[in-house]
Amino acid sequence: MSETVIYRDDVSVELVKSSASDADVIWAARVSTAGEQSLDEIGEDPARSAGLINYLARERHGSPFEHTSMTFFVSAPIFVFREFMRHRIASYNEESGRYRELKPVFYIPSKERKLIQVGKTGAYTFEDGTPEQFEITVKAMKDAYVIAYESYVKMLEAGVAREVARVVLPVATYSSMYVTMNARALMNFLSLRTSREGSHFPSYPQREIEMVAEKMEAEFAKLMPLTYGAFEKSGRIAP
């Protein structure tokens, strides 16, 4: 195998494009009562209308938050994307194993990743594993990844199509995608894919997709601080 196998325990998220500000929410909301005069809000300081944003979030008047757009470039294991794409409130374009040779980059958990599930489905928690369990887990994963990628390369070298050869690769293989959401959709995603004390509806996401969500949330908080604050005040419920 000519390529060096790379093991990662992280994800990466980059905000590549945005048209999203608190002011966008305000002028979209004002049209209800001001009509064409709502255009006067464009370019105004949104801080003077923070109360309006809090009201919209609290009372779940969500459509003004949809007049925004954020595009992220995400690098994560394929199993994260399969969970991500259950959210049918975003636009996705993902790296294709049909059209390019996939690199041997695979996910292994960090030592901080809790390994043991306690309880039954719908009412369980995760606890730390022992050093022995962590060692067994990482070794089993690495052994499987090497065998899978060697088989993938063997088929490619024999002339087998990429779309066929990729079948042997695990969902721990890293992929990349662009995802575009508006603020309302992003708040819905964050409410479901992060676990926070004080959330009105508790959520129990898989840790790896939560890692992605945390990085997206940090960008959102910087872009739209008033909207983000209202999201927090309302118990992290999407309007």
C-alpha atoms as a PDB file:
ATOM      1  CA  MET A   1       0.000   0.000   0.000  1.00  0.00           C
ATOM      2  CA  SER A   2       1.691   3.170  -1.205  1.00  0.00           C
ATOM      3  CA  GLU A   3      -0.290   5.715   0.831  1.00  0.00           C
ATOM      4  CA  THR A   4       0.333   6.201   4.528  1.00  0.00           C
ATOM      5  CA  VAL A   5      -2.728   5.514   6.645  1.00  0.00           C
ATOM      6  CA  ILE A   6      -3.765   8.535   8.719  1.00  0.00           C
ATOM      7  CA  TYR A   7      -5.781   8.255  11.916  1.00  0.00           C
ATOM      8  CA  ARG A   8      -7.755  11.217  13.230  1.00  0.00           C
ATOM      9  CA  ASP A   9      -9.847  11.756  16.327  1.00  0.00           C
ATOM     10  CA  ASP A  10     -11.157  15.200  15.342  1.00  0.00           C
ATOM     11  CA  VAL A  11     -13.443  16.919  12.853  1.00  0.00           C
ATOM     12  CA  SER A  12     -12.973  20.200  11.019  1.00  0.00           C
ATOM     13  CA  VAL A  13     -15.545  22.871  10.183  1.00  0.00           C
ATOM     14  CA  GLU A  14     -14.882  26.023   8.175  1.00  0.00           C
ATOM     15  CA  LEU A  15     -17.403  28.771   7.469  1.00  0.00           C
ATOM     16  CA  VAL A  16     -16.699  29.480   3.798  1.00  0.00           C
ATOM     17  CA  LYS A  17     -19.545  31.857   2.924  1.00  0.00           C
ATOM     18  CA  SER A  18     -22.316  33.650   4.736  1.00  0.00           C
ATOM     19  CA  SER A  19     -25.122  36.126   4.275  1.00  0.00           C
ATOM     20  CA  ALA A  20     -26.329  36.166   7.838  1.00  0.00           C
ATOM     21  CA  SER A  21     -26.702  38.927  10.405  1.00  0.00           C
ATOM     22  CA  ASP A  22     -29.115  39.923  13.136  1.00  0.00           C
ATOM     23  CA  ALA A  23     -30.187  42.833  10.928  1.00  0.00           C
ATOM     24  CA  ASP A  24     -31.492  40.353   8.328  1.00  0.00           C
ATOM     25  CA  VAL A  25     -33.941  39.003  10.889  1.00  0.00           C
ATOM     26  CA  ILE A  26     -35.147  42.476  11.880  1.00  0.00           C
ATOM     27  CA  TRP A  27     -36.040  43.823   8.464  1.00  0.00           C
ATOM     28  CA  ALA A  28     -37.700  40.541   7.527  1.00  0.00           C
ATOM     29  CA  ALA A  29     -39.836  40.748  10.662  1.00  0.00           C
ATOM     30  CA  ARG A  30     -40.662  44.460  10.310  1.00  0.00           C
ATOM     31  CA  VAL A  31     -42.335  44.006   6.933  1.00  0.00           C
ATOM     32  CA  SER A  32     -45.369  42.595   8.759  1.00  0.00           C
ATOM     33  CA  THR A  33     -46.198  45.992  10.195  1.00  0.00           C
ATOM     34  CA  ALA A  34     -44.126  48.468   8.190  1.00  0.00           C
ATOM     35  CA  GLY A  35     -44.390  47.180   4.627  1.00  0.00           C
ATOM     36  CA  GLU A  36     -41.943  48.948   2.331  1.00  0.00           C
ATOM     37  CA  GLN A  37     -40.723  51.066   5.232  1.00  0.00           C
ATOM     38  CA  SER A  38     -39.052  47.937   6.572  1.00  0.00           C
ATOM     39  CA  LEU A  39     -36.338  48.641   3.997  1.00  0.00           C
ATOM     40  CA  ASP A  40     -35.231  51.472   6.280  1.00  0.00           C
ATOM     41  CA  GLU A  41     -33.990  48.825   8.720  1.00  0.00           C
ATOM     42  CA  ILE A  42     -31.338  47.621   6.297  1.00  0.00           C
ATOM     43  CA  GLY A  43     -28.000  48.897   7.506  1.00  0.00           C
ATOM     44  CA  GLU A  44     -29.323  49.999  10.899  1.00  0.00           C
ATOM     45  CA  ASP A  45     -27.725  48.869  14.162  1.00  0.00           C
ATOM     46  CA  PRO A  46     -29.546  45.642  15.102  1.00  0.00           C
ATOM     47  CA  ALA A  47     -28.727  46.080  18.804  1.00  0.00           C
ATOM     48  CA  ARG A  48     -31.582  48.590  19.167  1.00  0.00           C
ATOM     49  CA  SER A  49     -34.004  45.826  18.165  1.00  0.00           C
ATOM     50  CA  ALA A  50     -32.639  43.056  20.365  1.00  0.00           C
ATOM     51  CA  GLY A  51     -36.009  42.862  22.112  1.00  0.00           C
ATOM     52  CA  LEU A  52     -37.700  42.041  18.821  1.00  0.00           C
ATOM     53  CA  ILE A  53     -35.314  39.155  18.160  1.00  0.00           C
ATOM     54  CA  ASN A  54     -35.882  37.814  21.673  1.00  0.00           C
ATOM     55  CA  TYR A  55     -39.637  38.061  21.107  1.00  0.00           C
ATOM     56  CA  LEU A  56     -39.474  36.217  17.781  1.00  0.00           C
ATOM     57  CA  ALA A  57     -37.422  33.403  19.296  1.00  0.00           C
ATOM     58  CA  ARG A  58     -39.514  33.136  22.459  1.00  0.00           C
ATOM     59  CA  GLU A  59     -42.851  33.104  20.638  1.00  0.00           C
ATOM     60  CA  ARG A  60     -41.469  30.907  17.847  1.00  0.00           C
ATOM     61  CA  HIS A  61     -42.128  33.272  14.965  1.00  0.00           C
ATOM     62  CA  GLY A  62     -39.469  31.547  12.924  1.00  0.00           C
ATOM     63  CA  SER A  63     -39.729  32.705   9.315  1.00  0.00           C
ATOM     64  CA  PRO A  64     -37.660  35.938   9.707  1.00  0.00           C
ATOM     65  CA  PHE A  65     -34.671  33.780  10.723  1.00  0.00           C
ATOM     66  CA  GLU A  66     -34.847  32.018   7.352  1.00  0.00           C
ATOM     67  CA  HIS A  67     -33.639  35.121   5.452  1.00  0.00           C
ATOM     68  CA  THR A  68     -30.029  34.156   6.148  1.00  0.00           C
ATOM     69  CA  SER A  69     -27.531  31.701   4.728  1.00  0.00           C
ATOM     70  CA  MET A  70     -24.381  30.005   6.029  1.00  0.00           C
ATOM     71  CA  THR A  71     -22.214  27.570   4.075  1.00  0.00           C
ATOM     72  CA  PHE A  72     -19.790  25.330   5.951  1.00  0.00           C
ATOM     73  CA  PHE A  73     -17.061  23.006   4.697  1.00  0.00           C
ATOM     74  CA  VAL A  74     -16.995  19.961   6.955  1.00  0.00           C
ATOM     75  CA  SER A  75     -14.433  17.147   7.167  1.00  0.00           C
ATOM     76  CA  ALA A  76     -15.593  14.197   9.266  1.00  0.00           C
ATOM     77  CA  PRO A  77     -16.117  10.418   9.133  1.00  0.00           C
ATOM     78  CA  ILE A  78     -18.797   9.169   6.752  1.00  0.00           C
ATOM     79  CA  PHE A  79     -20.956   7.903   9.625  1.00  0.00           C
ATOM     80  CA  VAL A  80     -21.265  11.504  10.852  1.00  0.00           C
ATOM     81  CA  PHE A  81     -22.562  12.624   7.462  1.00  0.00           C
ATOM     82  CA  ARG A  82     -25.134   9.847   7.397  1.00  0.00           C
ATOM     83  CA  GLU A  83     -26.526  11.203  10.658  1.00  0.00           C
ATOM     84  CA  PHE A  84     -26.217  14.780   9.423  1.00  0.00           C
ATOM     85  CA  MET A  85     -28.207  14.161   6.252  1.00  0.00           C
ATOM     86  CA  ARG A  86     -31.225  13.051   8.235  1.00  0.00           C
ATOM     87  CA  HIS A  87     -31.750  16.787   8.681  1.00  0.00           C
ATOM     88  CA  ARG A  88     -33.698  17.584   5.517  1.00  0.00           C
ATOM     89  CA  ILE A  89     -33.466  21.313   6.205  1.00  0.00           C
ATOM     90  CA  ALA A  90     -30.100  21.900   4.561  1.00  0.00           C
ATOM     91  CA  SER A  91     -28.392  21.603   1.183  1.00  0.00           C
ATOM     92  CA  TYR A  92     -25.518  19.142   0.834  1.00  0.00           C
ATOM     93  CA  ASN A  93     -22.760  18.312  -1.618  1.00  0.00           C
ATOM     94  CA  GLU A  94     -20.357  15.579  -0.533  1.00  0.00           C
ATOM     95  CA  GLU A  95     -17.066  14.235  -1.835  1.00  0.00           C
ATOM     96  CA  SER A  96     -17.766  11.313  -4.156  1.00  0.00           C
ATOM     97  CA  GLY A  97     -16.109   7.913  -3.963  1.00  0.00           C
ATOM     98  CA  ARG A  98     -17.402   7.262  -7.491  1.00  0.00           C
ATOM     99  CA  TYR A  99     -15.350  10.026  -9.061  1.00  0.00           C
ATOM    100  CA  ARG A 100     -12.150  10.171  -7.003  1.00  0.00           C
ATOM    101  CA  GLU A 101      -9.901   7.768  -5.172  1.00  0.00           C
ATOM    102  CA  LEU A 102     -10.525   8.041  -1.449  1.00  0.00           C
ATOM    103  CA  LYS A 103      -7.586   8.663   0.856  1.00  0.00           C
ATOM    104  CA  PRO A 104      -6.728   6.346   3.763  1.00  0.00           C
ATOM    105  CA  VAL A 105      -7.866   8.701   6.517  1.00  0.00           C
ATOM    106  CA  PHE A 106      -9.853   7.015   9.279  1.00  0.00           C
ATOM    107  CA  TYR A 107     -11.461   7.888  12.575  1.00  0.00           C
ATOM    108  CA  ILE A 108     -10.352   6.548  15.930  1.00  0.00           C
ATOM    109  CA  PRO A 109     -11.806   7.831  19.224  1.00  0.00           C
ATOM    110  CA  SER A 110      -9.750  10.014  21.497  1.00  0.00           C
ATOM    111  CA  LYS A 111      -9.035   8.848  25.028  1.00  0.00           C
ATOM    112  CA  GLU A 112     -11.703  11.281  26.223  1.00  0.00           C
ATOM    113  CA  ARG A 113     -14.396   9.523  24.149  1.00  0.00           C
ATOM    114  CA  LYS A 114     -16.748   7.636  26.503  1.00  0.00           C
ATOM    115  CA  LEU A 115     -16.950   3.987  25.409  1.00  0.00           C
ATOM    116  CA  ILE A 116     -19.499   2.253  27.627  1.00  0.00           C
ATOM    117  CA  GLN A 117     -23.264   2.540  27.114  1.00  0.00           C
ATOM    118  CA  VAL A 118     -25.269   2.086  30.314  1.00  0.00           C
ATOM    119  CA  GLY A 119     -29.046   1.634  30.245  1.00  0.00           C
ATOM    120  CA  LYS A 120     -31.523   0.875  27.501  1.00  0.00           C
ATOM    121  CA  THR A 121     -32.315   2.693  24.270  1.00  0.00           C
ATOM    122  CA  GLY A 122     -33.910   6.049  24.938  1.00  0.00           C
ATOM    123  CA  ALA A 123     -32.730   6.119  28.555  1.00  0.00           C
ATOM    124  CA  TYR A 124     -29.008   5.540  28.593  1.00  0.00           C
ATOM    125  CA  THR A 125     -25.784   7.310  29.437  1.00  0.00           C
ATOM    126  CA  PHE A 126     -22.174   6.819  28.410  1.00  0.00           C
ATOM    127  CA  GLU A 127     -19.292   6.224  30.769  1.00  0.00           C
ATOM    128  CA  ASP A 128     -15.522   6.095  30.436  1.00  0.00           C
ATOM    129  CA  GLY A 129     -14.000   2.829  29.323  1.00  0.00           C
ATOM    130  CA  THR A 130     -10.972   1.257  30.917  1.00  0.00           C
ATOM    131  CA  PRO A 131      -7.496   1.670  29.401  1.00  0.00           C
ATOM    132  CA  GLU A 132      -7.742  -1.953  28.254  1.00  0.00           C
ATOM    133  CA  GLN A 133     -11.061  -1.325  26.491  1.00  0.00           C
ATOM    134  CA  PHE A 134      -9.639   1.730  24.774  1.00  0.00           C
ATOM    135  CA  GLU A 135      -6.591  -0.241  23.610  1.00  0.00           C
ATOM    136  CA  ILE A 136      -8.761  -3.089  22.285  1.00  0.00           C
ATOM    137  CA  THR A 137     -11.026  -0.616  20.479  1.00  0.00           C
ATOM    138  CA  VAL A 138      -8.258   1.319  18.757  1.00  0.00           C
ATOM    139  CA  LYS A 139      -6.337  -1.807  17.739  1.00  0.00           C
ATOM    140  CA  ALA A 140      -9.453  -3.469  16.310  1.00  0.00           C
ATOM    141  CA  MET A 141     -10.303  -0.342  14.342  1.00  0.00           C
ATOM    142  CA  LYS A 142      -6.810   0.143  12.936  1.00  0.00           C
ATOM    143  CA  ASP A 143      -6.504  -3.534  11.949  1.00  0.00           C
ATOM    144  CA  ALA A 144      -9.862  -3.402  10.142  1.00  0.00           C
ATOM    145  CA  TYR A 145      -9.050  -0.129   8.380  1.00  0.00           C
ATOM    146  CA  VAL A 146      -5.718  -1.390   7.018  1.00  0.00           C
ATOM    147  CA  ILE A 147      -7.246  -4.592   5.677  1.00  0.00           C
ATOM    148  CA  ALA A 148     -10.147  -2.685   4.111  1.00  0.00           C
ATOM    149  CA  TYR A 149      -7.943  -0.104   2.426  1.00  0.00           C
ATOM    150  CA  GLU A 150      -5.518  -2.729   1.135  1.00  0.00           C
ATOM    151  CA  SER A 151      -8.489  -4.521  -0.451  1.00  0.00           C
ATOM    152  CA  TYR A 152      -9.694  -1.229  -1.946  1.00  0.00           C
ATOM    153  CA  VAL A 153      -6.300  -0.497  -3.499  1.00  0.00           C
ATOM    154  CA  LYS A 154      -5.987  -4.075  -4.772  1.00  0.00           C
ATOM    155  CA  MET A 155      -9.267  -3.744  -6.659  1.00  0.00           C
ATOM    156  CA  LEU A 156      -8.338  -0.359  -8.105  1.00  0.00           C
ATOM    157  CA  GLU A 157      -5.000  -1.699  -9.303  1.00  0.00           C
ATOM    158  CA  ALA A 158      -6.848  -4.573 -10.966  1.00  0.00           C
ATOM    159  CA  GLY A 159      -8.940  -2.082 -12.922  1.00  0.00           C
ATOM    160  CA  VAL A 160     -12.124  -2.320 -10.859  1.00  0.00           C
ATOM    161  CA  ALA A 161     -14.259   0.844 -10.949  1.00  0.00           C
ATOM    162  CA  ARG A 162     -13.982   3.181  -7.990  1.00  0.00           C
ATOM    163  CA  GLU A 163     -17.714   2.977  -7.340  1.00  0.00           C
ATOM    164  CA  VAL A 164     -17.390  -0.783  -6.879  1.00  0.00           C
ATOM    165  CA  ALA A 165     -14.096  -0.842  -4.981  1.00  0.00           C
ATOM    166  CA  ARG A 166     -15.296   1.694  -2.406  1.00  0.00           C
ATOM    167  CA  VAL A 167     -17.840  -0.791  -1.062  1.00  0.00           C
ATOM    168  CA  VAL A 168     -15.198  -2.370   1.191  1.00  0.00           C
ATOM    169  CA  LEU A 169     -14.330   0.895   2.928  1.00  0.00           C
ATOM    170  CA  PRO A 170     -15.731   1.502   6.430  1.00  0.00           C
ATOM    171  CA  VAL A 171     -18.005   4.366   7.446  1.00  0.00           C
ATOM    172  CA  ALA A 172     -15.091   5.603   9.582  1.00  0.00           C
ATOM    173  CA  THR A 173     -13.413   6.820   6.365  1.00  0.00           C
ATOM    174  CA  TYR A 174     -13.154  10.600   6.302  1.00  0.00           C
ATOM    175  CA  SER A 175     -15.153  12.496   3.721  1.00  0.00           C
ATOM    176  CA  SER A 176     -15.860  16.167   3.118  1.00  0.00           C
ATOM    177  CA  MET A 177     -18.923  18.158   2.207  1.00  0.00           C
ATOM    178  CA  TYR A 178     -20.439  21.580   1.877  1.00  0.00           C
ATOM    179  CA  VAL A 179     -23.592  22.171   3.895  1.00  0.00           C
ATOM    180  CA  THR A 180     -25.739  25.287   3.614  1.00  0.00           C
ATOM    181  CA  MET A 181     -28.358  26.262   6.203  1.00  0.00           C
ATOM    182  CA  ASN A 182     -30.331  29.272   7.271  1.00  0.00           C
ATOM    183  CA  ALA A 183     -30.324  30.355  10.919  1.00  0.00           C
ATOM    184  CA  ARG A 184     -33.648  28.710  11.740  1.00  0.00           C
ATOM    185  CA  ALA A 185     -32.491  25.383  10.322  1.00  0.00           C
ATOM    186  CA  LEU A 186     -29.169  25.669  12.121  1.00  0.00           C
ATOM    187  CA  MET A 187     -30.886  26.295  15.448  1.00  0.00           C
ATOM    188  CA  ASN A 188     -33.015  23.206  14.853  1.00  0.00           C
ATOM    189  CA  PHE A 189     -29.878  21.199  14.116  1.00  0.00           C
ATOM    190  CA  LEU A 190     -28.111  22.511  17.230  1.00  0.00           C
ATOM    191  CA  SER A 191     -31.108  21.786  19.438  1.00  0.00           C
ATOM    192  CA  LEU A 192     -30.942  18.128  18.414  1.00  0.00           C
ATOM    193  CA  ARG A 193     -27.211  17.543  18.007  1.00  0.00           C
ATOM    194  CA  THR A 194     -25.796  19.168  21.130  1.00  0.00           C
ATOM    195  CA  SER A 195     -26.292  18.252  24.749  1.00  0.00           C
ATOM    196  CA  ARG A 196     -26.566  21.271  27.052  1.00  0.00           C
ATOM    197  CA  GLU A 197     -27.769  21.823  30.581  1.00  0.00           C
ATOM    198  CA  GLY A 198     -30.745  24.134  30.574  1.00  0.00           C
ATOM    199  CA  SER A 199     -32.083  22.946  27.218  1.00  0.00           C
ATOM    200  CA  HIS A 200     -35.870  22.825  27.275  1.00  0.00           C
ATOM    201  CA  PHE A 201     -35.804  19.479  25.466  1.00  0.00           C
ATOM    202  CA  PRO A 202     -32.788  17.329  26.437  1.00  0.00           C
ATOM    203  CA  SER A 203     -30.899  15.786  23.532  1.00  0.00           C
ATOM    204  CA  TYR A 204     -28.531  12.819  23.455  1.00  0.00           C
ATOM    205  CA  PRO A 205     -26.458  13.109  20.271  1.00  0.00           C
ATOM    206  CA  GLN A 206     -23.643  10.830  19.239  1.00  0.00           C
ATOM    207  CA  ARG A 207     -20.460  12.550  20.329  1.00  0.00           C
ATOM    208  CA  GLU A 208     -18.882  12.748  16.875  1.00  0.00           C
ATOM    209  CA  ILE A 209     -21.732  14.722  15.280  1.00  0.00           C
ATOM    210  CA  GLU A 210     -21.869  16.880  18.395  1.00  0.00           C
ATOM    211  CA  MET A 211     -18.229  17.790  17.734  1.00  0.00           C
ATOM    212  CA  VAL A 212     -19.273  19.112  14.321  1.00  0.00           C
ATOM    213  CA  ALA A 213     -22.272  20.925  15.785  1.00  0.00           C
ATOM    214  CA  GLU A 214     -20.126  22.645  18.417  1.00  0.00           C
ATOM    215  CA  LYS A 215     -17.846  24.118  15.761  1.00  0.00           C
ATOM    216  CA  MET A 216     -20.813  25.290  13.670  1.00  0.00           C
ATOM    217  CA  GLU A 217     -22.375  26.818  16.771  1.00  0.00           C
ATOM    218  CA  ALA A 218     -19.239  28.836  17.480  1.00  0.00           C
ATOM    219  CA  GLU A 219     -19.392  30.388  13.995  1.00  0.00           C
ATOM    220  CA  PHE A 220     -23.116  31.077  14.330  1.00  0.00           C
ATOM    221  CA  ALA A 221     -22.593  32.842  17.670  1.00  0.00           C
ATOM    222  CA  LYS A 222     -20.039  35.167  16.070  1.00  0.00           C
ATOM    223  CA  LEU A 223     -22.154  35.937  13.004  1.00  0.00           C
ATOM    224  CA  MET A 224     -25.470  36.520  14.775  1.00  0.00           C
ATOM    225  CA  PRO A 225     -24.820  37.235  18.458  1.00  0.00           C
ATOM    226  CA  LEU A 226     -28.299  38.611  19.219  1.00  0.00           C
ATOM    227  CA  THR A 227     -30.035  35.691  17.547  1.00  0.00           C
ATOM    228  CA  TYR A 228     -27.725  33.254  19.269  1.00  0.00           C
ATOM    229  CA  GLY A 229     -28.425  34.880  22.622  1.00  0.00           C
ATOM    230  CA  ALA A 230     -32.170  34.619  22.004  1.00  0.00           C
ATOM    231  CA  PHE A 231     -31.733  30.935  21.114  1.00  0.00           C
ATOM    232  CA  GLU A 232     -30.010  30.371  24.452  1.00  0.00           C
ATOM    233  CA  LYS A 233     -32.608  32.349  26.405  1.00  0.00           C
ATOM    234  CA  SER A 234     -35.459  30.363  24.867  1.00  0.00           C
ATOM    235  CA  GLY A 235     -34.025  27.052  26.091  1.00  0.00           C
ATOM    236  CA  ARG A 236     -32.265  26.229  22.810  1.00  0.00           C
ATOM    237  CA  ILE A 237     -35.552  25.645  20.992  1.00  0.00           C
ATOM    238  CA  ALA A 238     -35.579  26.498  17.289  1.00  0.00           C
ATOM    239  CA  PRO A 239     -38.205  29.175  16.540  1.00  0.00           C
END
